[in-house]
Amino acid sequence: MKTLLSSQKLSAIGVVLCLTTPLFAQRNVTNANDSNTPLHLLQPDYPVPYGIVKTEEVKRVLDRIHGYLNNVTPAAFVNAKTGEVLTDLSKIDENTALQKGDYRLVSYEWGVTYGGMLLASQVTGDNRYKEYTDKRLAFIANAAPYFKKTTEENADWGTKGPLRGLLTPHALDDCGAMCAAMIKATREGNKSNLRPLIDNHINYIMTKEHRLKDGTLARNRPQPNTLWLDDMFMGVPALAQMGKLTGDKKYYDEAAKQILQFAGRMFNKEKGVYMHGWVEGMTEHPQFHWARANGWAILTKVEVLDVLPENHPSRPAILALLKAHTKGLASYQSGSGFWHQLLNKEDSYLETSATAIYTYAIAHAINKGWIDGLAYAPMTLLGWNAVATKVNEKGQVEGTCVGTGMGFDPAFYYHRPISPFAAHGYGPVILAGAEVISLLKNKQFEINDSSVQLLQKK
């Protein structure tokens, strides 16, 4: 029996069709000939804006995102049954919840967002971005002691409590990115009492998270003793930041060890990118080069290099790994400026959050002098131009893959949904925009024979 396709299915098919190769095929065919027209000067049919972006244009994109997020992430507690706002934290009970907005304030995705806001404030001089982070971290810090007390007094509440993951983490996702953001905020003058949470999180990462025998951070899902590439970011930058905060070398050593041990098992040297998962005991490991996980890996390296002492013995190896990963990623960038959901699968969809992370990390590495700007700066501007097309007028980031576990077949990755409410997109896009502004301030570009080039001093 024939059935009509629903509008939702038709829309989904449209999205798939729009993200396949024909959309980006060159359509600008001319009837002019070489004897009457300088054909090399014809305008190409670019699928996203091409050229040298202006700092004020980047700032306008960041402002839209900030305006949206500031409106949809309220910092308040309510009674989940009545909706009444709770102003007296001594009256917390099992019905207390965060006031509902579009995103959670205490997720790992929001740890990235808080860090991105801090960077945007540094780069632009606009204190509204820093105020966004400071206000919400102060809200969390002020509430934490009350929730800690009630949690200890009411063990029967189980997993209830809006700050449960922060107070009693059971996975790196619960604490690592938030911890790194709290340390950054502390180092930048946030006066809130964040240190109890920071110490609790570092203790979890250092002593409680499951590990392989050699100490590599691991999980027992989906298989026993599984490495998730995501966990480089979920655990390691916080350790490096703790080294910077305290001056204790053991945190630097642990962060460096984790990066090199993850890479030893998961970095594909031929392709220049990482596999998503590695399972102890398997002779063949699933070689799915998921884009966002590779984003977490390169983001980890640049965050660690930012604070790792210049004379640390592992610094040259991490820097070499960053260069190899950058080269690998560059080879997979599409002609639209985006990267694919599975990096080496051109029929997988183009994904925003990974593209934003790569744009940030590569731009940052150029600004720091770690990689060759002449080789990589133009592709970085291309990446930003692509990402900027995914920030809608409301300030929402579109085209971001939702949260994703680890799979053993391609369909799992190919068909992960995308959503403007996937929180993973916001921090990376803010970071990317802020770093591109720095790149534009630090470097000069030119259009040479129609292509974007870094301007070299002669």
Protein backbone atom coordinates (compact mmCIF):
# COMPACT_ATOMS: atom_id res chain seq x y z
CA MET A 1 0.00 0.00 0.00
CA LYS A 2 1.42 3.37 -1.02
CA THR A 3 1.74 6.09 1.60
CA LEU A 4 2.56 9.76 1.25
CA LEU A 5 5.83 10.92 2.76
CA SER A 6 5.35 13.14 5.79
CA SER A 7 6.60 16.74 5.64
CA GLN A 8 9.16 15.80 8.29
CA LYS A 9 10.54 13.02 6.09
CA LEU A 10 10.56 15.27 3.05
CA SER A 11 12.43 17.89 5.03
CA ALA A 12 14.97 15.32 6.14
CA ILE A 13 15.45 14.16 2.56
CA GLY A 14 15.96 17.78 1.55
CA VAL A 15 18.65 18.19 4.16
CA VAL A 16 20.42 15.08 2.94
CA LEU A 17 20.23 16.24 -0.67
CA CYS A 18 21.53 19.67 0.27
CA LEU A 19 24.52 18.15 1.98
CA THR A 20 25.65 15.92 -0.86
CA THR A 21 28.26 16.72 -3.45
CA PRO A 22 26.06 18.10 -6.29
CA LEU A 23 25.22 21.22 -4.23
CA PHE A 24 28.88 22.16 -4.29
CA ALA A 25 29.56 21.32 -7.92
CA GLN A 26 30.66 24.29 -10.01
CA ARG A 27 27.65 25.78 -11.81
CA ASN A 28 29.20 28.98 -13.15
CA VAL A 29 29.67 27.95 -16.78
CA THR A 30 30.49 30.77 -19.18
CA ASN A 31 29.99 31.17 -22.93
CA ALA A 32 32.90 33.57 -23.15
CA ASN A 33 36.11 32.34 -24.71
CA ASP A 34 39.78 32.80 -24.01
CA SER A 35 40.32 35.30 -26.81
CA ASN A 36 37.76 37.88 -25.63
CA THR A 37 37.67 37.39 -21.82
CA PRO A 38 40.29 36.87 -19.08
CA LEU A 39 38.63 33.67 -17.95
CA HIS A 40 40.84 33.31 -14.89
CA LEU A 41 39.19 36.43 -13.46
CA LEU A 42 35.63 35.09 -13.67
CA GLN A 43 33.83 34.91 -10.33
CA PRO A 44 33.68 31.31 -9.06
CA ASP A 45 30.42 29.82 -7.84
CA TYR A 46 31.34 29.51 -4.15
CA PRO A 47 28.84 27.70 -1.89
CA VAL A 48 29.84 29.87 1.10
CA PRO A 49 31.31 33.39 1.18
CA TYR A 50 34.92 33.43 0.04
CA GLY A 51 37.50 36.04 0.88
CA ILE A 52 39.00 38.00 3.73
CA VAL A 53 36.46 38.42 6.49
CA LYS A 54 36.34 41.68 8.47
CA THR A 55 36.71 41.73 12.25
CA GLU A 56 33.48 43.68 12.67
CA GLU A 57 31.62 41.00 10.73
CA VAL A 58 32.97 38.30 13.02
CA LYS A 59 32.04 40.38 16.07
CA ARG A 60 28.47 40.74 14.84
CA VAL A 61 28.16 36.95 14.65
CA LEU A 62 29.52 36.59 18.19
CA ASP A 63 27.12 39.26 19.43
CA ARG A 64 24.15 37.40 17.98
CA ILE A 65 25.20 34.23 19.75
CA HIS A 66 25.77 36.05 23.03
CA GLY A 67 22.40 37.79 22.83
CA TYR A 68 20.60 34.54 22.21
CA LEU A 69 22.39 32.58 24.93
CA ASN A 70 22.03 35.35 27.49
CA ASN A 71 18.26 35.19 27.01
CA VAL A 72 17.83 31.41 27.04
CA THR A 73 20.13 30.35 29.89
CA PRO A 74 18.60 31.82 33.07
CA ALA A 75 20.61 31.48 36.29
CA ALA A 76 17.90 30.57 38.80
CA PHE A 77 16.40 27.65 40.69
CA VAL A 78 12.71 26.79 40.71
CA ASN A 79 10.36 24.27 42.23
CA ALA A 80 9.89 21.77 39.42
CA LYS A 81 6.27 21.10 40.44
CA THR A 82 5.06 24.66 40.95
CA GLY A 83 7.47 26.65 38.81
CA GLU A 84 8.03 29.05 41.70
CA VAL A 85 11.47 30.69 41.73
CA LEU A 86 13.56 29.69 44.76
CA THR A 87 15.40 32.62 46.35
CA ASP A 88 16.25 31.03 49.70
CA LEU A 89 18.79 28.25 49.09
CA SER A 90 18.31 26.93 52.62
CA LYS A 91 14.90 25.69 51.42
CA ILE A 92 16.24 23.35 48.74
CA ASP A 93 14.26 20.11 48.47
CA GLU A 94 14.00 17.17 46.10
CA ASN A 95 11.86 19.21 43.70
CA THR A 96 14.47 21.96 43.25
CA ALA A 97 15.63 22.28 39.64
CA LEU A 98 17.37 24.77 37.41
CA GLN A 99 14.96 27.18 35.79
CA LYS A 100 14.35 25.76 32.36
CA GLY A 101 16.09 27.39 29.44
CA ASP A 102 17.32 26.01 26.13
CA TYR A 103 20.56 24.59 27.61
CA ARG A 104 21.97 23.29 30.88
CA LEU A 105 24.40 25.49 32.81
CA VAL A 106 26.56 22.68 34.17
CA SER A 107 27.25 20.44 31.18
CA TYR A 108 30.61 19.77 29.54
CA GLU A 109 29.34 21.63 26.48
CA TRP A 110 28.77 24.67 28.65
CA GLY A 111 32.25 24.35 30.10
CA VAL A 112 33.47 24.97 26.54
CA THR A 113 31.03 27.86 26.18
CA TYR A 114 32.22 29.53 29.39
CA GLY A 115 35.81 29.31 28.18
CA GLY A 116 34.79 30.67 24.78
CA MET A 117 33.07 33.65 26.37
CA LEU A 118 36.20 34.45 28.39
CA LEU A 119 38.33 34.38 25.24
CA ALA A 120 35.85 36.52 23.31
CA SER A 121 36.03 39.13 26.07
CA GLN A 122 39.84 39.14 26.00
CA VAL A 123 40.01 39.52 22.22
CA THR A 124 37.23 42.06 21.67
CA GLY A 125 37.44 44.05 24.91
CA ASP A 126 33.67 43.56 25.29
CA ASN A 127 33.09 42.69 28.94
CA ARG A 128 29.61 41.32 28.30
CA TYR A 129 31.10 37.98 27.31
CA LYS A 130 33.09 37.67 30.53
CA GLU A 131 30.06 38.78 32.53
CA TYR A 132 28.09 35.91 31.00
CA THR A 133 30.58 33.39 32.36
CA ASP A 134 31.22 35.13 35.67
CA LYS A 135 27.52 35.47 36.48
CA ARG A 136 26.75 31.81 35.92
CA LEU A 137 29.86 30.45 37.61
CA ALA A 138 29.12 32.67 40.63
CA PHE A 139 25.57 31.31 40.67
CA ILE A 140 26.91 27.74 40.65
CA ALA A 141 29.60 28.43 43.27
CA ASN A 142 27.12 30.08 45.63
CA ALA A 143 24.64 27.22 45.37
CA ALA A 144 27.11 24.33 45.59
CA PRO A 145 27.53 24.28 49.40
CA TYR A 146 23.77 24.15 49.93
CA PHE A 147 23.29 21.31 47.47
CA LYS A 148 26.28 19.45 48.90
CA LYS A 149 24.75 19.61 52.38
CA THR A 150 21.29 18.48 51.28
CA THR A 151 22.74 15.74 49.07
CA GLU A 152 24.69 14.32 52.01
CA GLU A 153 21.64 14.52 54.27
CA ASN A 154 19.26 12.93 51.75
CA ALA A 155 20.93 9.91 50.22
CA ASP A 156 17.49 8.59 49.24
CA TRP A 157 17.17 11.32 46.59
CA GLY A 158 19.28 9.17 44.27
CA THR A 159 20.31 11.09 41.17
CA LYS A 160 18.08 14.08 41.90
CA GLY A 161 19.57 17.53 42.23
CA PRO A 162 20.55 19.95 39.45
CA LEU A 163 24.21 20.05 40.57
CA ARG A 164 24.55 16.33 41.28
CA GLY A 165 27.11 15.68 38.54
CA LEU A 166 29.31 18.58 39.64
CA LEU A 167 29.18 17.59 43.29
CA THR A 168 29.54 13.83 42.88
CA PRO A 169 30.92 13.18 39.37
CA HIS A 170 30.69 9.66 37.97
CA ALA A 171 32.27 10.33 34.59
CA LEU A 172 34.70 12.75 33.01
CA ASP A 173 31.77 14.34 31.19
CA ASP A 174 30.44 15.47 34.57
CA CYS A 175 33.39 17.58 35.53
CA GLY A 176 36.42 17.95 33.23
CA ALA A 177 35.33 20.75 30.89
CA MET A 178 33.53 22.62 33.66
CA CYS A 179 36.62 22.33 35.85
CA ALA A 180 38.88 23.75 33.14
CA ALA A 181 36.49 26.68 32.67
CA MET A 182 36.37 27.36 36.40
CA ILE A 183 40.17 27.40 36.62
CA LYS A 184 40.40 29.78 33.65
CA ALA A 185 37.81 32.05 35.24
CA THR A 186 39.68 31.97 38.56
CA ARG A 187 42.93 32.86 36.84
CA GLU A 188 41.14 35.78 35.15
CA GLY A 189 39.90 37.25 38.41
CA ASN A 190 36.58 35.56 39.14
CA LYS A 191 36.14 36.01 42.91
CA SER A 192 33.61 33.22 43.43
CA ASN A 193 34.58 30.35 45.70
CA LEU A 194 35.12 27.85 42.90
CA ARG A 195 38.09 26.10 44.50
CA PRO A 196 36.09 23.38 46.34
CA LEU A 197 34.53 22.30 43.05
CA ILE A 198 37.87 22.50 41.23
CA ASP A 199 39.60 20.35 43.86
CA ASN A 200 36.75 17.83 43.82
CA HIS A 201 36.91 17.52 40.04
CA ILE A 202 40.68 17.19 39.86
CA ASN A 203 40.54 14.52 42.55
CA TYR A 204 37.98 12.61 40.48
CA ILE A 205 40.08 12.80 37.32
CA MET A 206 43.31 11.87 39.08
CA THR A 207 42.07 9.11 41.38
CA LYS A 208 38.56 7.88 40.55
CA GLU A 209 38.03 7.69 36.79
CA HIS A 210 38.47 4.20 35.36
CA ARG A 211 41.85 3.61 33.69
CA LEU A 212 43.78 1.00 31.77
CA LYS A 213 46.72 -0.65 33.54
CA ASP A 214 49.10 1.97 32.17
CA GLY A 215 46.91 4.74 33.57
CA THR A 216 45.16 5.86 30.39
CA LEU A 217 41.72 7.31 31.10
CA ALA A 218 39.10 4.79 29.98
CA ARG A 219 35.47 3.73 30.17
CA ASN A 220 33.73 0.40 30.54
CA ARG A 221 31.24 1.13 27.79
CA PRO A 222 30.29 0.16 25.19
CA GLN A 223 32.88 -2.54 25.87
CA PRO A 224 35.18 -3.15 28.85
CA ASN A 225 38.33 -1.00 28.84
CA THR A 226 37.35 1.28 25.99
CA LEU A 227 39.20 4.46 25.09
CA TRP A 228 37.02 7.30 23.82
CA LEU A 229 38.90 10.02 22.00
CA ASP A 230 36.45 12.48 23.57
CA ASP A 231 38.01 11.78 26.97
CA MET A 232 41.23 13.51 26.02
CA PHE A 233 39.30 16.74 26.26
CA MET A 234 36.98 15.69 29.07
CA GLY A 235 39.93 15.09 31.39
CA VAL A 236 43.24 16.47 30.19
CA PRO A 237 42.90 20.28 29.80
CA ALA A 238 41.62 20.52 33.38
CA LEU A 239 44.79 18.78 34.59
CA ALA A 240 47.01 21.15 32.63
CA GLN A 241 45.07 24.14 33.93
CA MET A 242 45.53 22.82 37.46
CA GLY A 243 49.26 22.73 36.83
CA LYS A 244 49.12 26.39 35.85
CA LEU A 245 46.95 27.29 38.85
CA THR A 246 49.05 25.49 41.45
CA GLY A 247 52.51 25.24 39.86
CA ASP A 248 52.54 21.52 40.70
CA LYS A 249 54.46 19.64 38.00
CA LYS A 250 52.54 16.39 38.56
CA TYR A 251 49.51 17.82 36.74
CA TYR A 252 51.54 18.78 33.70
CA ASP A 253 53.15 15.34 33.68
CA GLU A 254 49.79 13.59 33.87
CA ALA A 255 48.27 15.73 31.11
CA ALA A 256 51.21 15.09 28.79
CA LYS A 257 51.19 11.36 29.53
CA GLN A 258 47.50 11.09 28.66
CA ILE A 259 47.90 12.87 25.32
CA LEU A 260 50.78 10.67 24.23
CA GLN A 261 49.18 7.42 25.41
CA PHE A 262 45.90 8.21 23.65
CA ALA A 263 47.81 9.06 20.49
CA GLY A 264 49.91 5.91 20.65
CA ARG A 265 46.78 3.80 20.39
CA MET A 266 44.41 5.99 18.39
CA PHE A 267 46.29 8.29 16.01
CA ASN A 268 46.37 6.98 12.45
CA LYS A 269 49.73 8.23 11.18
CA GLU A 270 48.92 7.50 7.54
CA LYS A 271 45.71 9.54 7.56
CA GLY A 272 46.85 12.10 10.10
CA VAL A 273 43.65 11.79 12.16
CA TYR A 274 42.37 9.77 15.11
CA MET A 275 39.95 6.89 15.32
CA HIS A 276 37.01 7.53 17.64
CA GLY A 277 37.31 4.44 19.83
CA TRP A 278 39.84 1.81 20.88
CA VAL A 279 38.94 -1.35 22.79
CA GLU A 280 41.45 -3.35 24.79
CA GLY A 281 41.63 -6.96 23.63
CA MET A 282 40.50 -6.29 20.06
CA THR A 283 42.99 -7.09 17.33
CA GLU A 284 41.16 -4.84 14.83
CA HIS A 285 39.91 -1.51 16.10
CA PRO A 286 36.97 0.43 14.62
CA GLN A 287 38.49 3.01 12.29
CA PHE A 288 35.74 5.61 12.33
CA HIS A 289 37.28 9.05 12.13
CA TRP A 290 34.46 11.00 13.73
CA ALA A 291 34.88 14.71 13.22
CA ARG A 292 33.94 16.13 16.61
CA ALA A 293 36.07 13.63 18.51
CA ASN A 294 39.03 14.73 16.39
CA GLY A 295 38.01 18.24 17.38
CA TRP A 296 38.24 17.37 21.06
CA ALA A 297 41.69 15.90 20.42
CA ILE A 298 43.18 18.94 18.66
CA LEU A 299 41.50 21.27 21.16
CA THR A 300 43.17 19.33 23.96
CA LYS A 301 46.59 19.74 22.40
CA VAL A 302 46.34 23.50 21.96
CA GLU A 303 44.89 23.99 25.45
CA VAL A 304 47.70 21.96 27.00
CA LEU A 305 50.41 23.69 24.96
CA ASP A 306 49.02 27.04 26.13
CA VAL A 307 50.04 26.30 29.73
CA LEU A 308 52.65 23.54 29.51
CA PRO A 309 56.09 24.94 30.45
CA GLU A 310 58.41 25.53 27.51
CA ASN A 311 61.00 23.22 29.06
CA HIS A 312 58.64 20.34 29.76
CA PRO A 313 60.20 17.16 28.31
CA SER A 314 56.96 16.13 26.53
CA ARG A 315 56.34 19.46 24.85
CA PRO A 316 58.23 18.66 21.60
CA ALA A 317 56.30 15.40 21.16
CA ILE A 318 52.94 17.10 21.72
CA LEU A 319 53.87 19.89 19.35
CA ALA A 320 54.88 17.34 16.69
CA LEU A 321 51.55 15.58 17.18
CA LEU A 322 49.70 18.88 16.75
CA LYS A 323 51.51 19.52 13.47
CA ALA A 324 50.76 16.03 12.17
CA HIS A 325 47.09 16.29 13.18
CA THR A 326 46.75 19.73 11.56
CA LYS A 327 48.21 18.42 8.32
CA GLY A 328 45.84 15.45 8.38
CA LEU A 329 42.79 17.56 9.07
CA ALA A 330 43.72 20.03 6.33
CA SER A 331 43.67 17.21 3.80
CA TYR A 332 40.00 16.50 4.58
CA GLN A 333 38.54 20.00 4.49
CA SER A 334 35.80 20.17 1.87
CA GLY A 335 35.57 22.81 -0.85
CA SER A 336 32.76 24.43 1.12
CA GLY A 337 35.06 25.07 4.07
CA PHE A 338 33.31 22.51 6.28
CA TRP A 339 34.54 19.11 7.38
CA HIS A 340 32.46 15.96 7.07
CA GLN A 341 30.87 14.08 9.96
CA LEU A 342 33.21 11.20 9.16
CA LEU A 343 36.33 12.97 8.00
CA ASN A 344 37.29 10.58 5.22
CA LYS A 345 33.73 9.91 4.00
CA GLU A 346 32.68 12.62 1.57
CA ASP A 347 29.12 11.32 1.43
CA SER A 348 28.66 11.92 5.16
CA TYR A 349 27.15 15.27 6.04
CA LEU A 350 29.00 18.52 6.68
CA GLU A 351 29.14 19.25 10.40
CA THR A 352 29.37 22.61 12.18
CA SER A 353 30.82 21.97 15.63
CA ALA A 354 33.88 20.09 14.37
CA THR A 355 34.50 22.71 11.68
CA ALA A 356 34.39 25.40 14.37
CA ILE A 357 36.79 23.53 16.65
CA TYR A 358 39.30 23.02 13.84
CA THR A 359 38.98 26.68 12.85
CA TYR A 360 39.73 27.76 16.40
CA ALA A 361 42.56 25.32 17.05
CA ILE A 362 44.37 25.93 13.77
CA ALA A 363 43.98 29.71 14.02
CA HIS A 364 45.27 29.56 17.60
CA ALA A 365 48.25 27.45 16.57
CA ILE A 366 49.09 29.99 13.85
CA ASN A 367 48.77 32.88 16.28
CA LYS A 368 51.12 31.10 18.69
CA GLY A 369 53.65 30.34 15.95
CA TRP A 370 53.32 26.58 16.37
CA ILE A 371 52.37 25.86 12.74
CA ASP A 372 52.99 27.49 9.36
CA GLY A 373 50.53 30.33 8.84
CA LEU A 374 51.36 30.58 5.16
CA ALA A 375 50.12 27.02 4.69
CA TYR A 376 47.10 27.04 6.99
CA ALA A 377 45.78 30.58 7.50
CA PRO A 378 43.68 30.73 4.28
CA MET A 379 41.90 27.45 5.07
CA THR A 380 41.19 28.82 8.55
CA LEU A 381 39.38 31.86 7.13
CA LEU A 382 37.51 29.52 4.81
CA GLY A 383 36.47 27.48 7.84
CA TRP A 384 35.17 30.57 9.62
CA ASN A 385 33.27 31.74 6.55
CA ALA A 386 31.57 28.35 6.47
CA VAL A 387 30.76 28.33 10.19
CA ALA A 388 29.34 31.87 10.06
CA THR A 389 26.69 30.73 7.56
CA LYS A 390 25.35 28.39 10.25
CA VAL A 391 24.62 31.11 12.80
CA ASN A 392 21.04 32.14 12.14
CA GLU A 393 19.44 35.54 12.81
CA LYS A 394 18.37 34.44 16.30
CA GLY A 395 21.98 33.58 17.16
CA GLN A 396 21.44 29.83 17.10
CA VAL A 397 24.16 27.56 15.73
CA GLU A 398 22.75 25.16 13.15
CA GLY A 399 24.16 21.97 11.65
CA THR A 400 25.62 20.50 14.84
CA CYS A 401 25.58 16.77 15.46
CA VAL A 402 23.82 15.84 18.70
CA GLY A 403 25.58 13.92 21.48
CA THR A 404 27.14 10.77 20.09
CA GLY A 405 28.38 7.55 21.64
CA MET A 406 30.88 5.17 20.11
CA GLY A 407 29.81 2.92 17.24
CA PHE A 408 31.11 -0.01 15.22
CA ASP A 409 29.30 0.66 11.94
CA PRO A 410 29.14 3.63 9.56
CA ALA A 411 25.37 4.08 9.67
CA PHE A 412 25.60 4.99 13.35
CA TYR A 413 27.71 8.06 12.51
CA TYR A 414 26.18 8.92 9.15
CA HIS A 415 22.69 9.32 10.54
CA ARG A 416 23.20 11.08 13.84
CA PRO A 417 20.67 13.93 13.97
CA ILE A 418 21.63 17.59 13.84
CA SER A 419 19.97 20.32 15.88
CA PRO A 420 20.36 24.02 16.80
CA PHE A 421 19.76 22.82 20.35
CA ALA A 422 22.83 20.57 20.30
CA ALA A 423 24.85 22.47 22.90
CA HIS A 424 28.16 21.26 21.43
CA GLY A 425 28.12 23.96 18.74
CA TYR A 426 28.11 27.14 20.80
CA GLY A 427 31.43 27.12 22.64
CA PRO A 428 33.40 26.07 19.54
CA VAL A 429 31.84 28.78 17.36
CA ILE A 430 32.55 31.46 19.98
CA LEU A 431 36.14 30.21 20.29
CA ALA A 432 36.54 30.15 16.51
CA GLY A 433 35.23 33.68 16.04
CA ALA A 434 37.38 35.10 18.82
CA GLU A 435 40.53 33.44 17.51
CA VAL A 436 39.85 34.50 13.93
CA ILE A 437 39.61 38.09 15.16
CA SER A 438 43.05 37.62 16.74
CA LEU A 439 44.34 36.12 13.50
CA LEU A 440 43.08 39.12 11.52
CA LYS A 441 44.77 41.46 13.99
CA ASN A 442 48.05 39.52 13.99
CA LYS A 443 48.34 38.79 10.27
CA GLN A 444 47.67 40.54 7.01
CA PHE A 445 45.92 38.88 4.09
CA GLU A 446 45.55 39.69 0.42
CA ILE A 447 43.65 38.41 -2.59
CA ASN A 448 46.28 37.25 -5.05
CA ASP A 449 45.03 35.99 -8.41
CA SER A 450 41.58 35.49 -6.84
CA SER A 451 42.81 33.37 -3.92
CA VAL A 452 43.15 34.25 -0.23
CA GLN A 453 46.82 34.45 0.73
CA LEU A 454 48.70 35.34 3.87
CA LEU A 455 50.64 38.50 3.09
CA GLN A 456 54.35 37.93 3.56
CA LYS A 457 56.73 40.75 4.34
CA LYS A 458 59.12 41.28 1.42
